[in-house]
Amino acid sequence: WQASMLWQRKIKKALHEYDLTHTQFVILAVMEELSEQ
């Protein structure tokens, strides 16, 4: 849990400048992956 939360905080900070939540980013990425497959 602690390692996951630390990683997620860093991801959240990195995605802030793109105005994306982590969940939104994952959904965009999954949509692209499914489409490519």
Full PDB file with SEQRES, HELIX, SHEET, SSBOND, CRYST1, ORIGX, SCALE, CONECT and MASTER records, all heavy atoms in Angstrom:
SEQRES   1 A   37  TRP GLN ALA SER MET LEU TRP GLN ARG LYS ILE LYS LYS          
SEQRES   2 A   37  ALA LEU HIS GLU TYR ASP LEU THR HIS THR GLN PHE VAL          
SEQRES   3 A   37  ILE LEU ALA VAL MET GLU GLU LEU SER GLU GLN                  
HELIX    1 AA1 GLN A    2  HIS A   16  1                                  15    
HELIX    2 AA2 HIS A   22  GLU A   36  1                                  15    
CRYST1    1.000    1.000    1.000  90.00  90.00  90.00 P 1           1          
ORIGX1      1.000000  0.000000  0.000000        0.00000                         
ORIGX2      0.000000  1.000000  0.000000        0.00000                         
ORIGX3      0.000000  0.000000  1.000000        0.00000                         
SCALE1      1.000000  0.000000  0.000000        0.00000                         
SCALE2      0.000000  1.000000  0.000000        0.00000                         
SCALE3      0.000000  0.000000  1.000000        0.00000                         
ATOM      1  N   TRP A   1       0.834  -1.206   0.000  1.00  0.00           N  
ATOM      2  CA  TRP A   1       0.000   0.000   0.000  1.00  0.00           C  
ATOM      3  C   TRP A   1       0.867   1.255   0.000  1.00  0.00           C  
ATOM      4  O   TRP A   1       0.643   2.178  -0.791  1.00  0.00           O  
ATOM      5  CB  TRP A   1      -0.917  -0.013   1.228  1.00  0.00           C  
ATOM      6  CG  TRP A   1      -1.684   1.260   1.424  1.00  0.00           C  
ATOM      7  CD1 TRP A   1      -1.329   2.322   2.196  1.00  0.00           C  
ATOM      8  CD2 TRP A   1      -2.926   1.624   0.824  1.00  0.00           C  
ATOM      9  NE1 TRP A   1      -2.273   3.308   2.120  1.00  0.00           N  
ATOM     10  CE2 TRP A   1      -3.268   2.905   1.275  1.00  0.00           C  
ATOM     11  CE3 TRP A   1      -3.781   0.978  -0.052  1.00  0.00           C  
ATOM     12  CZ2 TRP A   1      -4.427   3.559   0.888  1.00  0.00           C  
ATOM     13  CZ3 TRP A   1      -4.937   1.644  -0.437  1.00  0.00           C  
ATOM     14  CH2 TRP A   1      -5.249   2.908   0.032  1.00  0.00           C  
ATOM     15  N   GLN A   2       1.848   1.310   0.893  1.00  0.00           N  
ATOM     16  CA  GLN A   2       2.697   2.488   1.009  1.00  0.00           C  
ATOM     17  C   GLN A   2       3.491   2.735  -0.272  1.00  0.00           C  
ATOM     18  O   GLN A   2       3.580   3.873  -0.744  1.00  0.00           O  
ATOM     19  CB  GLN A   2       3.645   2.345   2.209  1.00  0.00           C  
ATOM     20  CG  GLN A   2       2.931   2.430   3.536  1.00  0.00           C  
ATOM     21  CD  GLN A   2       3.826   2.074   4.711  1.00  0.00           C  
ATOM     22  OE1 GLN A   2       4.729   1.236   4.603  1.00  0.00           O  
ATOM     23  NE2 GLN A   2       3.568   2.690   5.849  1.00  0.00           N  
ATOM     24  N   ALA A   3       4.063   1.686  -0.839  1.00  0.00           N  
ATOM     25  CA  ALA A   3       4.822   1.837  -2.085  1.00  0.00           C  
ATOM     26  C   ALA A   3       3.897   2.302  -3.211  1.00  0.00           C  
ATOM     27  O   ALA A   3       4.248   3.201  -3.994  1.00  0.00           O  
ATOM     28  CB  ALA A   3       5.510   0.519  -2.459  1.00  0.00           C  
ATOM     29  N   SER A   4       2.707   1.723  -3.270  1.00  0.00           N  
ATOM     30  CA  SER A   4       1.732   2.101  -4.289  1.00  0.00           C  
ATOM     31  C   SER A   4       1.315   3.564  -4.141  1.00  0.00           C  
ATOM     32  O   SER A   4       1.223   4.300  -5.129  1.00  0.00           O  
ATOM     33  CB  SER A   4       0.510   1.179  -4.194  1.00  0.00           C  
ATOM     34  OG  SER A   4      -0.510   1.607  -5.055  1.00  0.00           O  
ATOM     35  N   MET A   5       1.066   3.995  -2.918  1.00  0.00           N  
ATOM     36  CA  MET A   5       0.655   5.382  -2.679  1.00  0.00           C  
ATOM     37  C   MET A   5       1.778   6.360  -3.045  1.00  0.00           C  
ATOM     38  O   MET A   5       1.511   7.424  -3.625  1.00  0.00           O  
ATOM     39  CB  MET A   5       0.236   5.576  -1.218  1.00  0.00           C  
ATOM     40  CG  MET A   5      -1.028   4.814  -0.840  1.00  0.00           C  
ATOM     41  SD  MET A   5      -2.459   5.145  -1.904  1.00  0.00           S  
ATOM     42  CE  MET A   5      -2.774   6.849  -1.550  1.00  0.00           C  
ATOM     43  N   LEU A   6       3.003   6.021  -2.721  1.00  0.00           N  
ATOM     44  CA  LEU A   6       4.136   6.887  -3.063  1.00  0.00           C  
ATOM     45  C   LEU A   6       4.268   7.004  -4.580  1.00  0.00           C  
ATOM     46  O   LEU A   6       4.428   8.106  -5.129  1.00  0.00           O  
ATOM     47  CB  LEU A   6       5.427   6.326  -2.452  1.00  0.00           C  
ATOM     48  CG  LEU A   6       6.703   7.116  -2.688  1.00  0.00           C  
ATOM     49  CD1 LEU A   6       6.586   8.538  -2.139  1.00  0.00           C  
ATOM     50  CD2 LEU A   6       7.874   6.402  -2.033  1.00  0.00           C  
ATOM     51  N   TRP A   7       4.168   5.875  -5.279  1.00  0.00           N  
ATOM     52  CA  TRP A   7       4.238   5.880  -6.749  1.00  0.00           C  
ATOM     53  C   TRP A   7       3.086   6.698  -7.330  1.00  0.00           C  
ATOM     54  O   TRP A   7       3.289   7.520  -8.218  1.00  0.00           O  
ATOM     55  CB  TRP A   7       4.217   4.435  -7.250  1.00  0.00           C  
ATOM     56  CG  TRP A   7       4.122   4.311  -8.739  1.00  0.00           C  
ATOM     57  CD1 TRP A   7       5.109   4.554  -9.657  1.00  0.00           C  
ATOM     58  CD2 TRP A   7       2.965   3.928  -9.480  1.00  0.00           C  
ATOM     59  NE1 TRP A   7       4.625   4.337 -10.933  1.00  0.00           N  
ATOM     60  CE2 TRP A   7       3.318   3.951 -10.842  1.00  0.00           C  
ATOM     61  CE3 TRP A   7       1.677   3.561  -9.127  1.00  0.00           C  
ATOM     62  CZ2 TRP A   7       2.422   3.620 -11.848  1.00  0.00           C  
ATOM     63  CZ3 TRP A   7       0.780   3.227 -10.127  1.00  0.00           C  
ATOM     64  CH2 TRP A   7       1.160   3.261 -11.473  1.00  0.00           C  
ATOM     65  N   GLN A   8       1.860   6.485  -6.804  1.00  0.00           N  
ATOM     66  CA  GLN A   8       0.701   7.207  -7.320  1.00  0.00           C  
ATOM     67  C   GLN A   8       0.825   8.720  -7.112  1.00  0.00           C  
ATOM     68  O   GLN A   8       0.407   9.501  -7.978  1.00  0.00           O  
ATOM     69  CB  GLN A   8      -0.586   6.690  -6.678  1.00  0.00           C  
ATOM     70  CG  GLN A   8      -0.974   5.313  -7.194  1.00  0.00           C  
ATOM     71  CD  GLN A   8      -2.291   4.849  -6.628  1.00  0.00           C  
ATOM     72  OE1 GLN A   8      -3.290   5.546  -6.718  1.00  0.00           O  
ATOM     73  NE2 GLN A   8      -2.289   3.666  -6.033  1.00  0.00           N  
ATOM     74  N   ARG A   9       1.391   9.138  -5.985  1.00  0.00           N  
ATOM     75  CA  ARG A   9       1.605  10.575  -5.750  1.00  0.00           C  
ATOM     76  C   ARG A   9       2.519  11.168  -6.809  1.00  0.00           C  
ATOM     77  O   ARG A   9       2.293  12.263  -7.304  1.00  0.00           O  
ATOM     78  CB  ARG A   9       2.215  10.796  -4.367  1.00  0.00           C  
ATOM     79  CG  ARG A   9       1.197  11.084  -3.318  1.00  0.00           C  
ATOM     80  CD  ARG A   9       1.850  11.538  -2.021  1.00  0.00           C  
ATOM     81  NE  ARG A   9       1.234  10.760  -0.966  1.00  0.00           N  
ATOM     82  CZ  ARG A   9       1.874   9.984  -0.116  1.00  0.00           C  
ATOM     83  NH1 ARG A   9       3.184   9.907  -0.120  1.00  0.00           N  
ATOM     84  NH2 ARG A   9       1.222   9.297   0.786  1.00  0.00           N  
ATOM     85  N   LYS A  10       3.567  10.432  -7.137  1.00  0.00           N  
ATOM     86  CA  LYS A  10       4.508  10.907  -8.155  1.00  0.00           C  
ATOM     87  C   LYS A  10       3.845  10.971  -9.536  1.00  0.00           C  
ATOM     88  O   LYS A  10       4.069  11.914 -10.299  1.00  0.00           O  
ATOM     89  CB  LYS A  10       5.753  10.021  -8.179  1.00  0.00           C  
ATOM     90  CG  LYS A  10       6.614  10.167  -6.935  1.00  0.00           C  
ATOM     91  CD  LYS A  10       7.783   9.202  -6.944  1.00  0.00           C  
ATOM     92  CE  LYS A  10       8.615   9.306  -5.697  1.00  0.00           C  
ATOM     93  NZ  LYS A  10       9.354  10.549  -5.579  1.00  0.00           N  
ATOM     94  N   ILE A  11       3.031   9.965  -9.845  1.00  0.00           N  
ATOM     95  CA  ILE A  11       2.301   9.957 -11.117  1.00  0.00           C  
ATOM     96  C   ILE A  11       1.327  11.132 -11.162  1.00  0.00           C  
ATOM     97  O   ILE A  11       1.236  11.846 -12.172  1.00  0.00           O  
ATOM     98  CB  ILE A  11       1.547   8.621 -11.319  1.00  0.00           C  
ATOM     99  CG1 ILE A  11       2.518   7.443 -11.444  1.00  0.00           C  
ATOM    100  CG2 ILE A  11       0.602   8.701 -12.515  1.00  0.00           C  
ATOM    101  CD1 ILE A  11       3.321   7.397 -12.715  1.00  0.00           C  
ATOM    102  N   LYS A  12       0.609  11.348 -10.074  1.00  0.00           N  
ATOM    103  CA  LYS A  12      -0.355  12.450 -10.002  1.00  0.00           C  
ATOM    104  C   LYS A  12       0.334  13.788 -10.267  1.00  0.00           C  
ATOM    105  O   LYS A  12      -0.180  14.620 -11.021  1.00  0.00           O  
ATOM    106  CB  LYS A  12      -1.030  12.461  -8.627  1.00  0.00           C  
ATOM    107  CG  LYS A  12      -2.059  13.547  -8.451  1.00  0.00           C  
ATOM    108  CD  LYS A  12      -2.684  13.496  -7.068  1.00  0.00           C  
ATOM    109  CE  LYS A  12      -3.694  14.603  -6.897  1.00  0.00           C  
ATOM    110  NZ  LYS A  12      -4.329  14.575  -5.577  1.00  0.00           N  
ATOM    111  N   LYS A  13       1.481  13.972  -9.667  1.00  0.00           N  
ATOM    112  CA  LYS A  13       2.242  15.217  -9.855  1.00  0.00           C  
ATOM    113  C   LYS A  13       2.669  15.368 -11.317  1.00  0.00           C  
ATOM    114  O   LYS A  13       2.576  16.447 -11.899  1.00  0.00           O  
ATOM    115  CB  LYS A  13       3.463  15.224  -8.933  1.00  0.00           C  
ATOM    116  CG  LYS A  13       4.257  16.496  -8.969  1.00  0.00           C  
ATOM    117  CD  LYS A  13       5.407  16.445  -7.978  1.00  0.00           C  
ATOM    118  CE  LYS A  13       6.231  17.715  -8.065  1.00  0.00           C  
ATOM    119  NZ  LYS A  13       7.407  17.654  -7.190  1.00  0.00           N  
ATOM    120  N   ALA A  14       3.121  14.286 -11.926  1.00  0.00           N  
ATOM    121  CA  ALA A  14       3.572  14.339 -13.321  1.00  0.00           C  
ATOM    122  C   ALA A  14       2.410  14.619 -14.274  1.00  0.00           C  
ATOM    123  O   ALA A  14       2.581  15.303 -15.287  1.00  0.00           O  
ATOM    124  CB  ALA A  14       4.254  13.022 -13.704  1.00  0.00           C  
ATOM    125  N   LEU A  15       1.226  14.114 -13.964  1.00  0.00           N  
ATOM    126  CA  LEU A  15       0.071  14.291 -14.842  1.00  0.00           C  
ATOM    127  C   LEU A  15      -0.641  15.622 -14.638  1.00  0.00           C  
ATOM    128  O   LEU A  15      -1.457  16.025 -15.472  1.00  0.00           O  
ATOM    129  CB  LEU A  15      -0.927  13.141 -14.644  1.00  0.00           C  
ATOM    130  CG  LEU A  15      -0.461  11.781 -15.141  1.00  0.00           C  
ATOM    131  CD1 LEU A  15      -1.452  10.693 -14.729  1.00  0.00           C  
ATOM    132  CD2 LEU A  15      -0.266  11.792 -16.651  1.00  0.00           C  
ATOM    133  N   HIS A  16      -0.325  16.308 -13.562  1.00  0.00           N  
ATOM    134  CA  HIS A  16      -0.987  17.580 -13.249  1.00  0.00           C  
ATOM    135  C   HIS A  16      -0.860  18.585 -14.396  1.00  0.00           C  
ATOM    136  O   HIS A  16      -1.835  19.250 -14.752  1.00  0.00           O  
ATOM    137  CB  HIS A  16      -0.432  18.168 -11.945  1.00  0.00           C  
ATOM    138  CG  HIS A  16      -1.058  19.463 -11.561  1.00  0.00           C  
ATOM    139  ND1 HIS A  16      -2.335  19.540 -11.052  1.00  0.00           N  
ATOM    140  CD2 HIS A  16      -0.605  20.734 -11.637  1.00  0.00           C  
ATOM    141  CE1 HIS A  16      -2.636  20.791 -10.824  1.00  0.00           C  
ATOM    142  NE2 HIS A  16      -1.610  21.551 -11.168  1.00  0.00           N  
ATOM    143  N   GLU A  17       0.304  18.686 -14.983  1.00  0.00           N  
ATOM    144  CA  GLU A  17       0.503  19.671 -16.055  1.00  0.00           C  
ATOM    145  C   GLU A  17      -0.284  19.335 -17.327  1.00  0.00           C  
ATOM    146  O   GLU A  17      -0.459  20.182 -18.189  1.00  0.00           O  
ATOM    147  CB  GLU A  17       1.977  19.858 -16.372  1.00  0.00           C  
ATOM    148  CG  GLU A  17       2.631  18.726 -17.128  1.00  0.00           C  
ATOM    149  CD  GLU A  17       4.075  19.025 -17.492  1.00  0.00           C  
ATOM    150  OE1 GLU A  17       4.290  19.634 -18.554  1.00  0.00           O  
ATOM    151  OE2 GLU A  17       4.958  18.668 -16.691  1.00  0.00           O  
ATOM    152  N   TYR A  18      -0.775  18.100 -17.417  1.00  0.00           N  
ATOM    153  CA  TYR A  18      -1.570  17.690 -18.573  1.00  0.00           C  
ATOM    154  C   TYR A  18      -3.073  17.732 -18.265  1.00  0.00           C  
ATOM    155  O   TYR A  18      -3.888  17.346 -19.101  1.00  0.00           O  
ATOM    156  CB  TYR A  18      -1.166  16.289 -19.035  1.00  0.00           C  
ATOM    157  CG  TYR A  18       0.294  16.229 -19.377  1.00  0.00           C  
ATOM    158  CD1 TYR A  18       1.219  15.704 -18.474  1.00  0.00           C  
ATOM    159  CD2 TYR A  18       0.763  16.743 -20.578  1.00  0.00           C  
ATOM    160  CE1 TYR A  18       2.574  15.672 -18.784  1.00  0.00           C  
ATOM    161  CE2 TYR A  18       2.119  16.720 -20.890  1.00  0.00           C  
ATOM    162  CZ  TYR A  18       3.009  16.187 -19.978  1.00  0.00           C  
ATOM    163  OH  TYR A  18       4.345  16.165 -20.277  1.00  0.00           O  
ATOM    164  N   ASP A  19      -3.406  18.180 -17.056  1.00  0.00           N  
ATOM    165  CA  ASP A  19      -4.797  18.261 -16.613  1.00  0.00           C  
ATOM    166  C   ASP A  19      -5.488  16.904 -16.725  1.00  0.00           C  
ATOM    167  O   ASP A  19      -6.617  16.800 -17.186  1.00  0.00           O  
ATOM    168  CB  ASP A  19      -5.571  19.335 -17.398  1.00  0.00           C  
ATOM    169  CG  ASP A  19      -6.929  19.629 -16.782  1.00  0.00           C  
ATOM    170  OD1 ASP A  19      -7.081  19.500 -15.547  1.00  0.00           O  
ATOM    171  OD2 ASP A  19      -7.861  19.971 -17.549  1.00  0.00           O  
ATOM    172  N   LEU A  20      -4.764  15.863 -16.309  1.00  0.00           N  
ATOM    173  CA  LEU A  20      -5.302  14.507 -16.306  1.00  0.00           C  
ATOM    174  C   LEU A  20      -5.154  13.899 -14.925  1.00  0.00           C  
ATOM    175  O   LEU A  20      -4.120  14.072 -14.263  1.00  0.00           O  
ATOM    176  CB  LEU A  20      -4.538  13.607 -17.287  1.00  0.00           C  
ATOM    177  CG  LEU A  20      -4.720  13.820 -18.774  1.00  0.00           C  
ATOM    178  CD1 LEU A  20      -3.762  12.943 -19.547  1.00  0.00           C  
ATOM    179  CD2 LEU A  20      -6.163  13.567 -19.189  1.00  0.00           C  
ATOM    180  N   THR A  21      -6.182  13.157 -14.497  1.00  0.00           N  
ATOM    181  CA  THR A  21      -6.023  12.325 -13.310  1.00  0.00           C  
ATOM    182  C   THR A  21      -5.340  11.033 -13.747  1.00  0.00           C  
ATOM    183  O   THR A  21      -5.284  10.716 -14.942  1.00  0.00           O  
ATOM    184  CB  THR A  21      -7.384  11.994 -12.672  1.00  0.00           C  
ATOM    185  OG1 THR A  21      -8.125  11.171 -13.584  1.00  0.00           O  
ATOM    186  CG2 THR A  21      -8.164  13.259 -12.325  1.00  0.00           C  
ATOM    187  N   HIS A  22      -4.880  10.285 -12.780  1.00  0.00           N  
ATOM    188  CA  HIS A  22      -4.249   9.002 -13.101  1.00  0.00           C  
ATOM    189  C   HIS A  22      -5.264   8.082 -13.784  1.00  0.00           C  
ATOM    190  O   HIS A  22      -4.947   7.403 -14.763  1.00  0.00           O  
ATOM    191  CB  HIS A  22      -3.699   8.373 -11.826  1.00  0.00           C  
ATOM    192  CG  HIS A  22      -2.705   7.293 -12.073  1.00  0.00           C  
ATOM    193  ND1 HIS A  22      -2.057   6.653 -11.058  1.00  0.00           N  
ATOM    194  CD2 HIS A  22      -2.246   6.714 -13.207  1.00  0.00           C  
ATOM    195  CE1 HIS A  22      -1.244   5.728 -11.561  1.00  0.00           C  
ATOM    196  NE2 HIS A  22      -1.354   5.748 -12.859  1.00  0.00           N  
ATOM    197  N   THR A  23      -6.485   8.081 -13.271  1.00  0.00           N  
ATOM    198  CA  THR A  23      -7.533   7.245 -13.861  1.00  0.00           C  
ATOM    199  C   THR A  23      -7.800   7.645 -15.305  1.00  0.00           C  
ATOM    200  O   THR A  23      -7.907   6.779 -16.192  1.00  0.00           O  
ATOM    201  CB  THR A  23      -8.827   7.343 -13.026  1.00  0.00           C  
ATOM    202  OG1 THR A  23      -8.551   6.876 -11.696  1.00  0.00           O  
ATOM    203  CG2 THR A  23      -9.952   6.516 -13.630  1.00  0.00           C  
ATOM    204  N   GLN A  24      -7.901   8.940 -15.576  1.00  0.00           N  
ATOM    205  CA  GLN A  24      -8.123   9.404 -16.942  1.00  0.00           C  
ATOM    206  C   GLN A  24      -6.977   8.985 -17.855  1.00  0.00           C  
ATOM    207  O   GLN A  24      -7.204   8.545 -18.985  1.00  0.00           O  
ATOM    208  CB  GLN A  24      -8.298  10.919 -16.971  1.00  0.00           C  
ATOM    209  CG  GLN A  24      -9.576  11.393 -16.336  1.00  0.00           C  
ATOM    210  CD  GLN A  24      -9.608  12.902 -16.155  1.00  0.00           C  
ATOM    211  OE1 GLN A  24      -8.592  13.589 -16.232  1.00  0.00           O  
ATOM    212  NE2 GLN A  24     -10.803  13.434 -15.912  1.00  0.00           N  
ATOM    213  N   PHE A  25      -5.755   9.109 -17.360  1.00  0.00           N  
ATOM    214  CA  PHE A  25      -4.591   8.696 -18.144  1.00  0.00           C  
ATOM    215  C   PHE A  25      -4.664   7.207 -18.473  1.00  0.00           C  
ATOM    216  O   PHE A  25      -4.445   6.798 -19.615  1.00  0.00           O  
ATOM    217  CB  PHE A  25      -3.291   9.009 -17.387  1.00  0.00           C  
ATOM    218  CG  PHE A  25      -2.083   8.379 -18.018  1.00  0.00           C  
ATOM    219  CD1 PHE A  25      -1.502   8.935 -19.144  1.00  0.00           C  
ATOM    220  CD2 PHE A  25      -1.545   7.211 -17.499  1.00  0.00           C  
ATOM    221  CE1 PHE A  25      -0.399   8.346 -19.748  1.00  0.00           C  
ATOM    222  CE2 PHE A  25      -0.441   6.611 -18.093  1.00  0.00           C  
ATOM    223  CZ  PHE A  25       0.130   7.180 -19.221  1.00  0.00           C  
ATOM    224  N   VAL A  26      -4.958   6.393 -17.475  1.00  0.00           N  
ATOM    225  CA  VAL A  26      -5.033   4.944 -17.684  1.00  0.00           C  
ATOM    226  C   VAL A  26      -6.116   4.620 -18.711  1.00  0.00           C  
ATOM    227  O   VAL A  26      -5.909   3.785 -19.605  1.00  0.00           O  
ATOM    228  CB  VAL A  26      -5.262   4.188 -16.356  1.00  0.00           C  
ATOM    229  CG1 VAL A  26      -5.606   2.724 -16.603  1.00  0.00           C  
ATOM    230  CG2 VAL A  26      -4.037   4.304 -15.456  1.00  0.00           C  
ATOM    231  N   ILE A  27      -7.242   5.278 -18.618  1.00  0.00           N  
ATOM    232  CA  ILE A  27      -8.333   5.024 -19.566  1.00  0.00           C  
ATOM    233  C   ILE A  27      -7.908   5.397 -20.982  1.00  0.00           C  
ATOM    234  O   ILE A  27      -8.140   4.630 -21.926  1.00  0.00           O  
ATOM    235  CB  ILE A  27      -9.618   5.751 -19.123  1.00  0.00           C  
ATOM    236  CG1 ILE A  27     -10.180   5.047 -17.885  1.00  0.00           C  
ATOM    237  CG2 ILE A  27     -10.644   5.795 -20.255  1.00  0.00           C  
ATOM    238  CD1 ILE A  27     -11.300   5.786 -17.194  1.00  0.00           C  
ATOM    239  N   LEU A  28      -7.282   6.552 -21.161  1.00  0.00           N  
ATOM    240  CA  LEU A  28      -6.791   6.933 -22.490  1.00  0.00           C  
ATOM    241  C   LEU A  28      -5.797   5.893 -23.019  1.00  0.00           C  
ATOM    242  O   LEU A  28      -5.855   5.503 -24.186  1.00  0.00           O  
ATOM    243  CB  LEU A  28      -6.123   8.308 -22.450  1.00  0.00           C  
ATOM    244  CG  LEU A  28      -7.031   9.520 -22.251  1.00  0.00           C  
ATOM    245  CD1 LEU A  28      -6.187  10.773 -22.037  1.00  0.00           C  
ATOM    246  CD2 LEU A  28      -7.962   9.701 -23.429  1.00  0.00           C  
ATOM    247  N   ALA A  29      -4.898   5.447 -22.153  1.00  0.00           N  
ATOM    248  CA  ALA A  29      -3.880   4.477 -22.564  1.00  0.00           C  
ATOM    249  C   ALA A  29      -4.509   3.119 -22.897  1.00  0.00           C  
ATOM    250  O   ALA A  29      -4.134   2.480 -23.886  1.00  0.00           O  
ATOM    251  CB  ALA A  29      -2.829   4.326 -21.462  1.00  0.00           C  
ATOM    252  N   VAL A  30      -5.471   2.686 -22.095  1.00  0.00           N  
ATOM    253  CA  VAL A  30      -6.143   1.411 -22.345  1.00  0.00           C  
ATOM    254  C   VAL A  30      -6.934   1.482 -23.651  1.00  0.00           C  
ATOM    255  O   VAL A  30      -6.919   0.524 -24.439  1.00  0.00           O  
ATOM    256  CB  VAL A  30      -7.051   1.017 -21.155  1.00  0.00           C  
ATOM    257  CG1 VAL A  30      -7.995  -0.123 -21.522  1.00  0.00           C  
ATOM    258  CG2 VAL A  30      -6.207   0.641 -19.949  1.00  0.00           C  
ATOM    259  N   MET A  31      -7.585   2.603 -23.896  1.00  0.00           N  
ATOM    260  CA  MET A  31      -8.326   2.754 -25.147  1.00  0.00           C  
ATOM    261  C   MET A  31      -7.389   2.620 -26.339  1.00  0.00           C  
ATOM    262  O   MET A  31      -7.714   1.956 -27.323  1.00  0.00           O  
ATOM    263  CB  MET A  31      -9.037   4.116 -25.183  1.00  0.00           C  
ATOM    264  CG  MET A  31     -10.220   4.194 -24.250  1.00  0.00           C  
ATOM    265  SD  MET A  31     -10.912   5.858 -24.058  1.00  0.00           S  
ATOM    266  CE  MET A  31     -11.197   6.332 -25.740  1.00  0.00           C  
ATOM    267  N   GLU A  32      -6.225   3.212 -26.240  1.00  0.00           N  
ATOM    268  CA  GLU A  32      -5.244   3.124 -27.328  1.00  0.00           C  
ATOM    269  C   GLU A  32      -4.747   1.692 -27.494  1.00  0.00           C  
ATOM    270  O   GLU A  32      -4.650   1.181 -28.601  1.00  0.00           O  
ATOM    271  CB  GLU A  32      -4.086   4.089 -27.047  1.00  0.00           C  
ATOM    272  CG  GLU A  32      -3.287   4.454 -28.253  1.00  0.00           C  
ATOM    273  CD  GLU A  32      -4.062   5.234 -29.308  1.00  0.00           C  
ATOM    274  OE1 GLU A  32      -5.060   5.912 -29.008  1.00  0.00           O  
ATOM    275  OE2 GLU A  32      -3.644   5.152 -30.480  1.00  0.00           O  
ATOM    276  N   GLU A  33      -4.465   1.037 -26.375  1.00  0.00           N  
ATOM    277  CA  GLU A  33      -3.984  -0.353 -26.409  1.00  0.00           C  
ATOM    278  C   GLU A  33      -5.025  -1.285 -27.023  1.00  0.00           C  
ATOM    279  O   GLU A  33      -4.699  -2.102 -27.894  1.00  0.00           O  
ATOM    280  CB  GLU A  33      -3.627  -0.821 -24.992  1.00  0.00           C  
ATOM    281  CG  GLU A  33      -3.170  -2.257 -24.889  1.00  0.00           C  
ATOM    282  CD  GLU A  33      -1.791  -2.524 -25.444  1.00  0.00           C  
ATOM    283  OE1 GLU A  33      -1.002  -1.573 -25.615  1.00  0.00           O  
ATOM    284  OE2 GLU A  33      -1.487  -3.703 -25.717  1.00  0.00           O  
ATOM    285  N   LEU A  34      -6.266  -1.188 -26.575  1.00  0.00           N  
ATOM    286  CA  LEU A  34      -7.323  -2.040 -27.126  1.00  0.00           C  
ATOM    287  C   LEU A  34      -7.499  -1.789 -28.616  1.00  0.00           C  
ATOM    288  O   LEU A  34      -7.669  -2.727 -29.399  1.00  0.00           O  
ATOM    289  CB  LEU A  34      -8.647  -1.801 -26.384  1.00  0.00           C  
ATOM    290  CG  LEU A  34      -8.725  -2.312 -24.947  1.00  0.00           C  
ATOM    291  CD1 LEU A  34     -10.014  -1.841 -24.288  1.00  0.00           C  
ATOM    292  CD2 LEU A  34      -8.610  -3.822 -24.883  1.00  0.00           C  
ATOM    293  N   SER A  35      -7.435  -0.524 -28.999  1.00  0.00           N  
ATOM    294  CA  SER A  35      -7.570  -0.166 -30.404  1.00  0.00           C  
ATOM    295  C   SER A  35      -6.439  -0.775 -31.233  1.00  0.00           C  
ATOM    296  O   SER A  35      -6.669  -1.332 -32.308  1.00  0.00           O  
ATOM    297  CB  SER A  35      -7.578   1.356 -30.542  1.00  0.00           C  
ATOM    298  OG  SER A  35      -7.644   1.726 -31.882  1.00  0.00           O  
ATOM    299  N   GLU A  36      -5.211  -0.685 -30.728  1.00  0.00           N  
ATOM    300  CA  GLU A  36      -4.054  -1.246 -31.436  1.00  0.00           C  
ATOM    301  C   GLU A  36      -4.153  -2.759 -31.561  1.00  0.00           C  
ATOM    302  O   GLU A  36      -3.657  -3.339 -32.527  1.00  0.00           O  
ATOM    303  CB  GLU A  36      -2.758  -0.862 -30.721  1.00  0.00           C  
ATOM    304  CG  GLU A  36      -2.390   0.598 -30.868  1.00  0.00           C  
ATOM    305  CD  GLU A  36      -1.184   1.008 -30.043  1.00  0.00           C  
ATOM    306  OE1 GLU A  36      -0.550   0.130 -29.391  1.00  0.00           O  
ATOM    307  OE2 GLU A  36      -0.868   2.209 -30.029  1.00  0.00           O  
ATOM    308  N   GLN A  37      -4.788  -3.407 -30.577  1.00  0.00           N  
ATOM    309  CA  GLN A  37      -4.957  -4.863 -30.608  1.00  0.00           C  
ATOM    310  C   GLN A  37      -6.140  -5.286 -31.472  1.00  0.00           C  
ATOM    311  O   GLN A  37      -6.399  -6.477 -31.629  1.00  0.00           O  
ATOM    312  CB  GLN A  37      -5.152  -5.403 -29.189  1.00  0.00           C  
ATOM    313  CG  GLN A  37      -3.955  -5.304 -28.304  1.00  0.00           C  
ATOM    314  CD  GLN A  37      -4.235  -5.826 -26.900  1.00  0.00           C  
ATOM    315  OE1 GLN A  37      -5.280  -6.400 -26.616  1.00  0.00           O  
ATOM    316  NE2 GLN A  37      -3.285  -5.631 -26.010  1.00  0.00           N  
TER     317      GLN A  37                                                      
MASTER        0    0    0    2    0    0    0    6  316    1    0    3          
END                                                                             
